[in-house]
Amino acid sequence: MEEYTLDDPTLLLQAASDFGHHPGVHSDASAKAFLHRFPLPVIINVLQTKADVPGVESTLVACLERIFCTKHGASLIPQYMPFVQVGLRADSQVVRCLACKTVSCLLENFGENTVPAAQLIVEHDIYPLLLDCLINGNEQVATASMDAIKSLAGSFEGMEIIFPANDNEATHLRNLAARCSSLGRVRVLALVVKLFSVSSSVASLIHNSDLLNLLEAEVCNTDDTLVTLSVLELLYELAEIQHGTEFLPRTTLVQLLSSIIGNTSMESILRSRAMMISGRLLSKENIFKFIDESCVKTVISLIDGRLRSLESQDADECESALETLGQIGSSIHGAELLLLSSPPAARHVIDAAFDRQGRGRHLAALHALGNISGETRSENKIMLNNDAEESLQHLIYESASKSPKLTPSGLFLSVLQQDAEVRLAGYRVITGLVARPWCLMEICSKQEIVNIITGAHSETTKIGMEAKYNCCKAIHWVFMSSSKLTSDPALTGIAEKLQEAVRRGPYLARKLQEAQPVVMTADRF
């Protein structure tokens, strides 16, 4: 190795710093040029022998990371697997992080004509070292290790490494979690969630290995609130994964979440997170194919109970409860359950949507009502069954009768006269509700509502312009579909305003003005 020894690494460090901090993506050509000047063995030798010199480690690690991200750099990794192995065992967290990222580069860029990357992982005993980095590394090392293991799960051979046939293997994730500290267990569970997102086939392996039960068991362990909260955050991520709808209902997760929501002795933040996870999971359109309706009714009933007892006592939990009802109500079946429960849980959403007591609560309820009314659903899935539609109409008119506004049109106008964030939520509510003839008549009965929705100056942000335009389009479409309204001379002005606003589009509400020359009298004296 004497030919790779560098007594004075100054030139290398300068070049490595430039390479590591170069903006943009490096090409294979630039990586080859750099390695022609400073071969990999030279860089590795300096990193091993002069790491204690200030700046050497951070500079060379940043440089090597950029090199291995190129296809040329990644093609060299198989020749240097012993060094990767040493890097994964290093005392330096920076070097361990680099080694984990190098494994990711190997897995993501290996060529078809080379030795399979998974085979290299096995031959050099890399996987147990990655697991050690996951458990014992700092946060950056643990994250890099997770990414590498996720990449490994992308191949059949890699899945055989992660999910060994023998359940007694020390590297089996269940066994690894059993011998870890609480932080280590949370990291193992985070890895399980990350792997679950890879594909439906990996999710199936995780389910069949009973690894999802680890999350449930950790939530049931109430000894450490921070750990419980961390695991609930992981369940929140899990509920977002699309193919999770197929597997999560097979567990006792929904029942577990229900027990947390209904447990008044638990901390409010835990109940709030349990509600949000339930809402995220139950918002999926196809969830009712995999879950028993009675489970959903139980969740709704428990949230209804919390909202009845909460009132204004805990604003955050109240907002979470309203948002969860809105998520459940984003599907047709979910909305119908909210409107047809006894008493209808949707009443909390509708009352809070038009009650200004608490801004966060007000906004959460408005967005929830937008979901229930069908703003997020496709055109052919906005309307609910007759009983649910009757309940929706009744609840809104009842809420109006108890307010100073007296009518739904008065409630809508009140919302649209508030600040931009509330108006945005109001547009969503009207966009969904206006598919109902009674709501369209309420809109048409208030010229001020039409003026705001078709006006040229009410919104200045992109999201606000788009929400208002979508609302305007929805009203225009329903209006033009009614021969009774289009033939009414008294409504001709409304039709023209709607048509003009739709024609302008979302971003051209402010009419363009040509530049005008300014002529001033010259100062002669």
Protein backbone atom coordinates (compact mmCIF):
# COMPACT_ATOMS: atom_id res chain seq x y z
CA MET A 1 0.00 0.00 0.00
CA GLU A 2 3.06 2.29 0.02
CA GLU A 3 2.27 3.52 -3.51
CA TYR A 4 -1.09 4.76 -2.17
CA THR A 5 0.43 6.64 0.77
CA LEU A 6 0.15 10.42 0.59
CA ASP A 7 2.48 12.37 2.87
CA ASP A 8 0.90 15.72 2.11
CA PRO A 9 -2.85 15.45 1.47
CA THR A 10 -3.30 19.19 0.84
CA LEU A 11 -3.96 18.87 -2.91
CA LEU A 12 -6.30 15.94 -2.34
CA LEU A 13 -8.27 17.82 0.31
CA GLN A 14 -8.62 20.88 -1.87
CA ALA A 15 -9.79 18.84 -4.86
CA ALA A 16 -12.08 16.70 -2.66
CA SER A 17 -13.64 19.82 -1.14
CA ASP A 18 -14.35 21.24 -4.60
CA PHE A 19 -15.77 17.90 -5.78
CA GLY A 20 -17.88 17.35 -2.67
CA HIS A 21 -19.39 20.84 -2.71
CA HIS A 22 -19.87 21.13 -6.45
CA PRO A 23 -23.48 22.23 -7.16
CA GLY A 24 -25.61 19.84 -9.17
CA VAL A 25 -25.13 16.19 -10.05
CA HIS A 26 -21.71 14.87 -11.00
CA SER A 27 -21.35 12.99 -14.27
CA ASP A 28 -19.48 9.72 -14.71
CA ALA A 29 -16.85 11.64 -16.64
CA SER A 30 -16.15 14.01 -13.73
CA ALA A 31 -15.96 11.07 -11.29
CA LYS A 32 -13.50 9.26 -13.59
CA ALA A 33 -11.38 12.39 -13.95
CA PHE A 34 -11.21 12.86 -10.20
CA LEU A 35 -10.31 9.22 -9.55
CA HIS A 36 -7.67 9.38 -12.27
CA ARG A 37 -5.92 12.08 -10.23
CA PHE A 38 -6.63 10.51 -6.85
CA PRO A 39 -7.40 6.75 -7.03
CA LEU A 40 -9.81 5.31 -4.45
CA PRO A 41 -7.06 3.48 -2.52
CA VAL A 42 -5.30 6.83 -2.01
CA ILE A 43 -8.46 8.48 -0.67
CA ILE A 44 -9.27 5.52 1.59
CA ASN A 45 -5.68 5.40 2.89
CA VAL A 46 -5.75 9.10 3.83
CA LEU A 47 -9.15 8.64 5.46
CA GLN A 48 -7.81 5.76 7.55
CA THR A 49 -4.45 7.26 8.51
CA LYS A 50 -5.17 10.97 8.84
CA ALA A 51 -8.79 11.02 10.06
CA ASP A 52 -7.70 12.83 13.24
CA VAL A 53 -6.49 15.84 11.21
CA PRO A 54 -9.20 18.54 11.38
CA GLY A 55 -11.35 18.65 8.24
CA VAL A 56 -9.96 15.50 6.63
CA GLU A 57 -12.78 13.15 7.59
CA SER A 58 -15.69 15.45 6.72
CA THR A 59 -14.09 16.55 3.42
CA LEU A 60 -13.23 13.06 2.16
CA VAL A 61 -16.54 11.55 3.30
CA ALA A 62 -18.50 14.22 1.40
CA CYS A 63 -16.33 13.60 -1.66
CA LEU A 64 -16.69 9.79 -1.55
CA GLU A 65 -20.45 10.07 -1.11
CA ARG A 66 -20.68 12.10 -4.33
CA ILE A 67 -18.38 9.67 -6.16
CA PHE A 68 -20.40 6.58 -5.19
CA CYS A 69 -23.61 8.29 -6.28
CA THR A 70 -22.39 8.16 -9.89
CA LYS A 71 -22.75 4.95 -11.90
CA HIS A 72 -18.99 4.80 -12.40
CA GLY A 73 -18.35 5.18 -8.67
CA ALA A 74 -21.00 2.58 -7.81
CA SER A 75 -19.42 0.12 -10.25
CA LEU A 76 -16.22 0.23 -8.17
CA ILE A 77 -17.91 -0.63 -4.85
CA PRO A 78 -17.81 -4.46 -5.30
CA GLN A 79 -13.99 -4.26 -5.38
CA TYR A 80 -13.94 -2.42 -2.06
CA MET A 81 -16.44 -4.40 0.02
CA PRO A 82 -13.85 -5.09 2.77
CA PHE A 83 -13.52 -1.33 3.23
CA VAL A 84 -17.31 -0.98 3.38
CA GLN A 85 -17.28 -3.66 6.05
CA VAL A 86 -14.66 -1.76 8.05
CA GLY A 87 -16.64 1.47 7.58
CA LEU A 88 -19.78 -0.08 9.04
CA ARG A 89 -17.78 -1.03 12.16
CA ALA A 90 -16.01 2.34 12.47
CA ASP A 91 -16.14 4.38 15.65
CA SER A 92 -16.79 7.51 13.60
CA GLN A 93 -20.51 8.08 13.02
CA VAL A 94 -19.70 10.06 9.87
CA VAL A 95 -17.79 7.13 8.36
CA ARG A 96 -20.52 4.64 9.38
CA CYS A 97 -23.11 6.84 7.70
CA LEU A 98 -20.99 6.92 4.53
CA ALA A 99 -20.68 3.12 4.60
CA CYS A 100 -24.46 2.72 4.88
CA LYS A 101 -25.01 5.11 1.97
CA THR A 102 -22.38 3.22 -0.04
CA VAL A 103 -24.38 0.02 0.41
CA SER A 104 -27.45 1.86 -0.90
CA CYS A 105 -25.47 3.02 -3.95
CA LEU A 106 -24.33 -0.55 -4.57
CA LEU A 107 -27.88 -1.92 -4.40
CA GLU A 108 -29.40 0.81 -6.56
CA ASN A 109 -26.78 0.84 -9.31
CA PHE A 110 -25.32 -2.67 -9.68
CA GLY A 111 -25.10 -3.89 -13.27
CA GLU A 112 -26.67 -7.02 -14.71
CA ASN A 113 -23.29 -8.49 -15.72
CA THR A 114 -21.78 -8.23 -12.25
CA VAL A 115 -22.05 -10.40 -9.15
CA PRO A 116 -25.55 -9.87 -7.67
CA ALA A 117 -25.44 -7.18 -4.98
CA ALA A 118 -27.34 -9.39 -2.52
CA GLN A 119 -24.64 -12.04 -2.92
CA LEU A 120 -21.97 -9.48 -2.02
CA ILE A 121 -24.02 -8.49 1.02
CA VAL A 122 -24.08 -12.12 2.20
CA GLU A 123 -20.41 -12.87 1.39
CA HIS A 124 -19.18 -9.89 3.40
CA ASP A 125 -21.70 -10.26 6.23
CA ILE A 126 -22.99 -6.75 5.60
CA TYR A 127 -26.62 -7.15 6.74
CA PRO A 128 -25.86 -7.77 10.47
CA LEU A 129 -23.60 -4.70 10.39
CA LEU A 130 -26.42 -2.61 8.90
CA LEU A 131 -28.70 -3.77 11.71
CA ASP A 132 -26.05 -2.77 14.26
CA CYS A 133 -25.88 0.67 12.66
CA LEU A 134 -29.66 0.87 12.88
CA ILE A 135 -29.71 0.04 16.60
CA ASN A 136 -26.53 1.71 17.85
CA GLY A 137 -25.78 4.48 15.36
CA ASN A 138 -26.79 8.10 15.75
CA GLU A 139 -29.91 9.38 14.01
CA GLN A 140 -28.18 9.99 10.66
CA VAL A 141 -26.54 6.54 10.69
CA ALA A 142 -29.82 4.84 11.62
CA THR A 143 -31.64 6.63 8.77
CA ALA A 144 -28.94 5.71 6.24
CA SER A 145 -29.03 2.10 7.44
CA MET A 146 -32.83 1.97 7.02
CA ASP A 147 -32.52 3.32 3.48
CA ALA A 148 -29.94 0.66 2.63
CA ILE A 149 -32.09 -2.16 4.03
CA LYS A 150 -35.11 -0.80 2.15
CA SER A 151 -33.07 -0.92 -1.07
CA LEU A 152 -32.08 -4.49 -0.22
CA ALA A 153 -35.79 -5.40 0.00
CA GLY A 154 -36.19 -4.43 -3.64
CA SER A 155 -34.94 -7.82 -4.84
CA PHE A 156 -36.09 -11.37 -4.14
CA GLU A 157 -32.63 -12.33 -2.86
CA GLY A 158 -32.63 -9.31 -0.57
CA MET A 159 -36.01 -10.23 0.87
CA GLU A 160 -34.63 -13.69 1.74
CA ILE A 161 -31.88 -11.97 3.73
CA ILE A 162 -34.25 -9.66 5.62
CA PHE A 163 -36.91 -12.31 6.21
CA PRO A 164 -34.98 -15.53 6.93
CA ALA A 165 -36.89 -18.81 6.72
CA ASN A 166 -35.62 -19.73 10.18
CA ASP A 167 -37.49 -17.65 12.79
CA ASN A 168 -34.68 -18.28 15.27
CA GLU A 169 -32.10 -16.33 13.26
CA ALA A 170 -30.52 -13.54 15.31
CA THR A 171 -31.16 -11.11 12.44
CA HIS A 172 -34.90 -11.81 12.37
CA LEU A 173 -36.49 -8.44 13.13
CA ARG A 174 -38.73 -9.89 15.82
CA ASN A 175 -35.70 -11.32 17.67
CA LEU A 176 -33.74 -8.12 17.15
CA ALA A 177 -36.54 -6.03 18.69
CA ALA A 178 -36.76 -8.39 21.68
CA ARG A 179 -33.19 -7.70 22.77
CA CYS A 180 -33.14 -3.94 22.15
CA SER A 181 -33.55 -0.90 24.34
CA SER A 182 -36.76 1.12 23.92
CA LEU A 183 -35.02 3.41 21.38
CA GLY A 184 -33.73 0.38 19.48
CA ARG A 185 -37.22 -1.15 19.37
CA VAL A 186 -38.69 2.05 17.98
CA ARG A 187 -36.01 2.04 15.27
CA VAL A 188 -36.75 -1.59 14.39
CA LEU A 189 -40.44 -0.73 14.16
CA ALA A 190 -39.60 2.28 11.97
CA LEU A 191 -37.73 -0.12 9.67
CA VAL A 192 -40.76 -2.43 9.57
CA VAL A 193 -42.95 0.50 8.46
CA LYS A 194 -40.41 1.56 5.83
CA LEU A 195 -40.21 -1.99 4.48
CA PHE A 196 -44.02 -2.28 4.52
CA SER A 197 -44.16 0.61 2.04
CA VAL A 198 -41.86 -1.10 -0.50
CA SER A 199 -44.51 -3.29 -2.13
CA SER A 200 -47.57 -5.40 -1.47
CA SER A 201 -45.44 -8.56 -1.51
CA VAL A 202 -43.09 -7.21 1.18
CA ALA A 203 -46.11 -6.05 3.19
CA SER A 204 -47.50 -9.59 2.94
CA LEU A 205 -44.23 -11.03 4.30
CA ILE A 206 -44.31 -8.56 7.20
CA HIS A 207 -47.90 -9.47 7.99
CA ASN A 208 -47.21 -13.20 7.78
CA SER A 209 -44.17 -12.78 10.04
CA ASP A 210 -46.41 -11.16 12.68
CA LEU A 211 -44.17 -8.10 12.69
CA LEU A 212 -47.18 -5.77 12.74
CA ASN A 213 -48.02 -7.26 16.12
CA LEU A 214 -44.82 -5.68 17.45
CA LEU A 215 -46.30 -2.23 16.88
CA GLU A 216 -49.54 -3.19 18.58
CA ALA A 217 -47.69 -4.65 21.57
CA GLU A 218 -45.62 -1.49 21.95
CA VAL A 219 -48.72 0.71 21.92
CA CYS A 220 -50.28 -1.46 24.63
CA ASN A 221 -47.19 -0.90 26.79
CA THR A 222 -48.13 2.29 28.65
CA ASP A 223 -44.92 2.51 30.71
CA ASP A 224 -43.33 5.13 28.47
CA THR A 225 -45.57 7.81 26.92
CA LEU A 226 -42.82 9.02 24.55
CA VAL A 227 -42.32 5.52 23.15
CA THR A 228 -46.09 5.07 22.78
CA LEU A 229 -46.32 8.39 20.97
CA SER A 230 -43.40 7.46 18.68
CA VAL A 231 -45.08 4.16 17.76
CA LEU A 232 -48.39 5.96 17.12
CA GLU A 233 -46.53 8.22 14.69
CA LEU A 234 -45.27 5.10 12.91
CA LEU A 235 -48.81 3.73 12.76
CA TYR A 236 -49.87 7.08 11.25
CA GLU A 237 -47.31 6.52 8.47
CA LEU A 238 -48.44 2.92 8.10
CA ALA A 239 -52.07 3.94 7.64
CA GLU A 240 -51.07 6.20 4.74
CA ILE A 241 -49.57 3.36 2.69
CA GLN A 242 -52.05 2.44 -0.02
CA HIS A 243 -51.73 -1.34 0.15
CA GLY A 244 -51.92 -1.14 3.93
CA THR A 245 -55.70 -1.12 3.56
CA GLU A 246 -55.53 -4.80 2.71
CA PHE A 247 -53.38 -5.90 5.65
CA LEU A 248 -54.03 -3.58 8.60
CA PRO A 249 -57.69 -4.58 9.10
CA ARG A 250 -56.51 -8.19 9.58
CA THR A 251 -54.79 -7.08 12.78
CA THR A 252 -56.39 -5.80 15.96
CA LEU A 253 -55.18 -2.27 15.15
CA VAL A 254 -58.62 -0.66 14.82
CA GLN A 255 -59.77 -2.22 18.10
CA LEU A 256 -56.55 -1.04 19.76
CA LEU A 257 -57.04 2.51 18.49
CA SER A 258 -60.64 2.43 19.69
CA SER A 259 -59.51 1.45 23.19
CA ILE A 260 -57.12 4.42 23.26
CA ILE A 261 -59.76 6.87 22.01
CA GLY A 262 -62.20 5.71 24.69
CA ASN A 263 -59.63 5.69 27.52
CA THR A 264 -60.21 8.92 29.45
CA SER A 265 -57.26 8.20 31.76
CA MET A 266 -54.76 8.39 28.89
CA GLU A 267 -53.07 11.63 27.92
CA SER A 268 -55.00 13.75 25.46
CA ILE A 269 -52.20 13.71 22.88
CA LEU A 270 -52.35 9.92 22.69
CA ARG A 271 -56.10 9.96 22.10
CA SER A 272 -55.65 12.65 19.44
CA ARG A 273 -53.06 10.60 17.57
CA ALA A 274 -55.22 7.47 17.81
CA MET A 275 -58.09 9.43 16.28
CA MET A 276 -55.92 10.74 13.44
CA ILE A 277 -54.60 7.26 12.62
CA SER A 278 -58.15 5.91 12.60
CA GLY A 279 -59.26 8.70 10.29
CA ARG A 280 -56.37 8.16 7.89
CA LEU A 281 -57.03 4.42 7.72
CA LEU A 282 -60.82 4.67 7.48
CA SER A 283 -60.71 7.39 4.81
CA LYS A 284 -59.71 4.84 2.15
CA GLU A 285 -62.56 4.28 -0.31
CA ASN A 286 -62.06 0.50 -0.34
CA ILE A 287 -61.57 0.08 3.42
CA PHE A 288 -65.08 -1.33 3.88
CA LYS A 289 -64.10 -4.33 1.76
CA PHE A 290 -61.65 -5.35 4.46
CA ILE A 291 -63.12 -4.11 7.72
CA ASP A 292 -66.34 -4.85 9.53
CA GLU A 293 -68.76 -1.91 9.59
CA SER A 294 -69.31 -2.38 13.32
CA CYS A 295 -65.64 -1.46 13.94
CA VAL A 296 -66.12 1.85 12.11
CA LYS A 297 -69.33 2.53 14.02
CA THR A 298 -67.46 1.94 17.27
CA VAL A 299 -64.80 4.51 16.33
CA ILE A 300 -67.48 7.03 15.34
CA SER A 301 -69.40 6.46 18.56
CA LEU A 302 -66.30 6.93 20.70
CA ILE A 303 -65.34 10.16 18.91
CA ASP A 304 -68.93 11.37 19.26
CA GLY A 305 -68.66 10.70 22.98
CA ARG A 306 -65.38 12.59 23.25
CA LEU A 307 -66.81 15.61 21.42
CA ARG A 308 -69.86 15.64 23.70
CA SER A 309 -67.67 15.63 26.82
CA LEU A 310 -64.91 17.87 25.45
CA GLU A 311 -66.83 20.94 24.36
CA SER A 312 -64.15 23.61 24.71
CA GLN A 313 -61.98 21.90 27.30
CA ASP A 314 -59.22 20.61 25.01
CA ALA A 315 -58.91 22.47 21.72
CA ASP A 316 -56.31 20.16 20.16
CA GLU A 317 -58.22 16.96 20.86
CA CYS A 318 -61.43 18.58 19.65
CA GLU A 319 -59.78 19.59 16.36
CA SER A 320 -58.36 16.09 15.93
CA ALA A 321 -61.79 14.58 16.53
CA LEU A 322 -63.45 16.85 13.95
CA GLU A 323 -60.69 16.23 11.41
CA THR A 324 -61.04 12.48 11.94
CA LEU A 325 -64.79 12.60 11.32
CA GLY A 326 -64.03 14.51 8.13
CA GLN A 327 -61.58 11.86 6.98
CA ILE A 328 -64.07 9.08 7.69
CA GLY A 329 -66.70 11.09 5.83
CA SER A 330 -64.57 11.49 2.72
CA SER A 331 -65.92 8.15 1.44
CA ILE A 332 -69.60 7.69 0.61
CA HIS A 333 -70.07 4.86 3.10
CA GLY A 334 -68.23 6.76 5.81
CA ALA A 335 -70.29 9.92 5.24
CA GLU A 336 -73.51 7.93 5.40
CA LEU A 337 -72.47 6.34 8.71
CA LEU A 338 -71.74 9.80 10.16
CA LEU A 339 -75.11 11.16 9.06
CA LEU A 340 -77.20 8.13 9.98
CA SER A 341 -75.76 7.27 13.39
CA SER A 342 -78.08 7.98 16.31
CA PRO A 343 -77.67 10.80 17.07
CA PRO A 344 -75.74 11.70 13.89
CA ALA A 345 -72.07 12.31 14.70
CA ALA A 346 -71.93 14.74 11.78
CA ARG A 347 -73.86 17.27 13.90
CA HIS A 348 -70.63 18.14 15.72
CA VAL A 349 -68.95 18.96 12.41
CA ILE A 350 -71.82 21.09 11.11
CA ASP A 351 -72.35 23.01 14.35
CA ALA A 352 -68.62 23.76 14.71
CA ALA A 353 -68.28 24.70 11.04
CA PHE A 354 -70.54 27.70 11.49
CA ASP A 355 -69.57 28.54 15.06
CA ARG A 356 -66.66 30.95 15.43
CA GLN A 357 -65.70 29.73 18.90
CA GLY A 358 -62.08 28.74 18.36
CA ARG A 359 -60.35 29.34 15.02
CA GLY A 360 -58.68 25.91 14.79
CA ARG A 361 -61.93 24.14 15.65
CA HIS A 362 -63.81 26.30 13.13
CA LEU A 363 -61.36 25.51 10.31
CA ALA A 364 -61.14 21.79 11.11
CA ALA A 365 -64.94 21.53 11.03
CA LEU A 366 -65.27 23.43 7.75
CA HIS A 367 -62.76 21.16 6.02
CA ALA A 368 -64.44 18.11 7.55
CA LEU A 369 -67.82 19.28 6.22
CA GLY A 370 -66.23 19.77 2.80
CA ASN A 371 -65.15 16.11 2.85
CA ILE A 372 -68.53 14.82 4.06
CA SER A 373 -70.39 16.84 1.43
CA GLY A 374 -68.27 15.27 -1.31
CA GLU A 375 -65.75 17.93 -2.32
CA THR A 376 -62.98 15.32 -2.48
CA ARG A 377 -65.09 12.68 -4.25
CA SER A 378 -65.54 12.29 -8.00
CA GLU A 379 -68.66 13.83 -9.60
CA ASN A 380 -70.60 10.58 -9.65
CA LYS A 381 -69.87 9.92 -5.96
CA ILE A 382 -70.88 13.22 -4.38
CA MET A 383 -74.47 12.39 -3.55
CA LEU A 384 -75.35 10.04 -0.68
CA ASN A 385 -78.38 7.82 -0.18
CA ASN A 386 -81.75 9.52 0.43
CA ASP A 387 -81.74 9.14 4.22
CA ALA A 388 -78.24 10.55 4.54
CA GLU A 389 -79.08 13.47 2.23
CA GLU A 390 -82.15 14.27 4.32
CA SER A 391 -80.04 14.16 7.48
CA LEU A 392 -77.41 16.46 5.96
CA GLN A 393 -80.00 19.02 4.88
CA HIS A 394 -81.81 18.86 8.20
CA LEU A 395 -78.63 19.34 10.23
CA ILE A 396 -77.54 22.37 8.21
CA TYR A 397 -80.95 24.05 8.40
CA GLU A 398 -81.15 23.25 12.10
CA SER A 399 -77.71 24.77 12.68
CA ALA A 400 -78.78 27.88 10.75
CA SER A 401 -81.99 28.24 12.74
CA LYS A 402 -80.01 28.27 16.00
CA SER A 403 -77.66 31.01 14.73
CA PRO A 404 -78.27 34.74 14.22
CA LYS A 405 -77.98 34.15 10.45
CA LEU A 406 -81.19 32.02 10.41
CA THR A 407 -80.60 30.53 6.92
CA PRO A 408 -77.85 28.40 5.33
CA SER A 409 -77.19 31.21 2.86
CA GLY A 410 -76.49 33.50 5.81
CA LEU A 411 -74.05 30.93 7.22
CA PHE A 412 -72.25 30.56 3.87
CA LEU A 413 -71.94 34.34 3.47
CA SER A 414 -70.59 34.70 6.99
CA VAL A 415 -67.83 32.17 6.21
CA LEU A 416 -66.92 33.85 2.91
CA GLN A 417 -66.61 37.23 4.63
CA GLN A 418 -63.84 35.98 6.93
CA ASP A 419 -60.08 35.78 6.32
CA ALA A 420 -58.45 33.93 3.40
CA GLU A 421 -57.87 30.63 5.22
CA VAL A 422 -61.50 30.40 6.34
CA ARG A 423 -62.73 31.43 2.88
CA LEU A 424 -60.68 28.61 1.35
CA ALA A 425 -62.44 26.10 3.61
CA GLY A 426 -65.76 27.77 2.79
CA TYR A 427 -65.19 27.34 -0.94
CA ARG A 428 -64.62 23.62 -0.35
CA VAL A 429 -67.87 23.30 1.61
CA ILE A 430 -69.92 25.04 -1.08
CA THR A 431 -68.21 23.08 -3.87
CA GLY A 432 -69.43 19.85 -2.29
CA LEU A 433 -72.84 20.98 -1.05
CA VAL A 434 -73.95 22.84 -4.18
CA ALA A 435 -74.68 19.55 -5.97
CA ARG A 436 -77.85 19.55 -3.84
CA PRO A 437 -80.72 21.63 -5.31
CA TRP A 438 -81.58 23.14 -1.92
CA CYS A 439 -78.01 24.42 -1.51
CA LEU A 440 -77.95 25.88 -5.03
CA MET A 441 -81.13 27.82 -4.24
CA GLU A 442 -79.55 29.12 -1.03
CA ILE A 443 -76.52 30.32 -3.02
CA CYS A 444 -78.67 32.02 -5.65
CA SER A 445 -80.74 33.72 -2.96
CA LYS A 446 -77.75 35.74 -1.76
CA GLN A 447 -76.30 38.08 -4.36
CA GLU A 448 -73.37 38.79 -2.01
CA ILE A 449 -72.30 35.13 -2.17
CA VAL A 450 -72.32 35.15 -5.97
CA ASN A 451 -70.37 38.43 -6.00
CA ILE A 452 -67.63 37.01 -3.76
CA ILE A 453 -67.33 33.74 -5.70
CA THR A 454 -67.32 35.43 -9.11
CA GLY A 455 -65.48 38.57 -8.01
CA ALA A 456 -62.15 39.52 -9.51
CA HIS A 457 -60.32 40.69 -6.42
CA SER A 458 -61.21 38.46 -3.47
CA GLU A 459 -58.23 36.05 -3.69
CA THR A 460 -54.53 36.74 -4.18
CA THR A 461 -52.90 33.35 -3.50
CA LYS A 462 -52.71 30.46 -5.98
CA ILE A 463 -54.48 28.01 -3.66
CA GLY A 464 -57.21 30.55 -2.93
CA MET A 465 -57.75 31.33 -6.64
CA GLU A 466 -57.99 27.64 -7.48
CA ALA A 467 -60.42 26.86 -4.65
CA LYS A 468 -62.66 29.77 -5.62
CA TYR A 469 -62.55 28.77 -9.30
CA ASN A 470 -63.46 25.15 -8.49
CA CYS A 471 -66.34 26.42 -6.39
CA CYS A 472 -67.48 28.70 -9.20
CA LYS A 473 -67.29 25.85 -11.73
CA ALA A 474 -69.33 23.56 -9.47
CA ILE A 475 -72.06 26.18 -9.03
CA HIS A 476 -72.07 26.99 -12.75
CA TRP A 477 -72.34 23.33 -13.75
CA VAL A 478 -75.28 22.64 -11.42
CA PHE A 479 -76.96 25.94 -12.38
CA MET A 480 -76.72 25.25 -16.11
CA SER A 481 -78.03 21.71 -15.57
CA SER A 482 -81.30 23.08 -14.22
CA SER A 483 -83.74 24.18 -16.92
CA LYS A 484 -85.89 25.79 -14.23
CA LEU A 485 -83.07 28.12 -13.18
CA THR A 486 -81.73 28.90 -16.65
CA SER A 487 -85.21 29.88 -17.84
CA ASP A 488 -85.81 32.22 -14.88
CA PRO A 489 -85.28 35.86 -16.06
CA ALA A 490 -84.57 36.95 -12.50
CA LEU A 491 -81.47 34.75 -12.44
CA THR A 492 -80.01 35.83 -15.78
CA GLY A 493 -77.48 38.11 -14.11
CA ILE A 494 -76.22 35.30 -11.89
CA ALA A 495 -75.80 33.00 -14.90
CA GLU A 496 -73.79 35.66 -16.75
CA LYS A 497 -71.51 36.29 -13.75
CA LEU A 498 -70.85 32.59 -13.30
CA GLN A 499 -70.17 32.07 -16.99
CA GLU A 500 -67.77 35.03 -17.13
CA ALA A 501 -65.88 33.85 -14.03
CA VAL A 502 -65.53 30.31 -15.42
CA ARG A 503 -64.37 31.69 -18.78
CA ARG A 504 -61.65 33.79 -17.11
CA GLY A 505 -60.15 30.77 -15.39
CA PRO A 506 -58.56 30.68 -11.94
CA TYR A 507 -55.64 33.05 -12.49
CA LEU A 508 -57.00 35.77 -14.78
CA ALA A 509 -59.51 37.21 -12.37
CA ARG A 510 -57.69 40.52 -12.36
CA LYS A 511 -58.18 42.00 -15.78
CA LEU A 512 -54.89 42.87 -17.43
CA GLN A 513 -54.25 46.56 -17.90
CA GLU A 514 -51.97 47.91 -20.58
CA ALA A 515 -49.17 50.19 -19.51
CA GLN A 516 -50.20 53.83 -19.77
CA PRO A 517 -47.67 56.56 -20.55
CA VAL A 518 -47.39 59.26 -17.91
CA VAL A 519 -47.02 62.73 -19.44
CA MET A 520 -45.71 65.48 -17.21
CA THR A 521 -45.17 69.16 -17.92
CA ALA A 522 -41.46 69.89 -18.18
CA ASP A 523 -39.94 72.13 -15.53
CA ARG A 524 -38.78 75.16 -17.52
CA PHE A 525 -37.82 77.48 -14.75
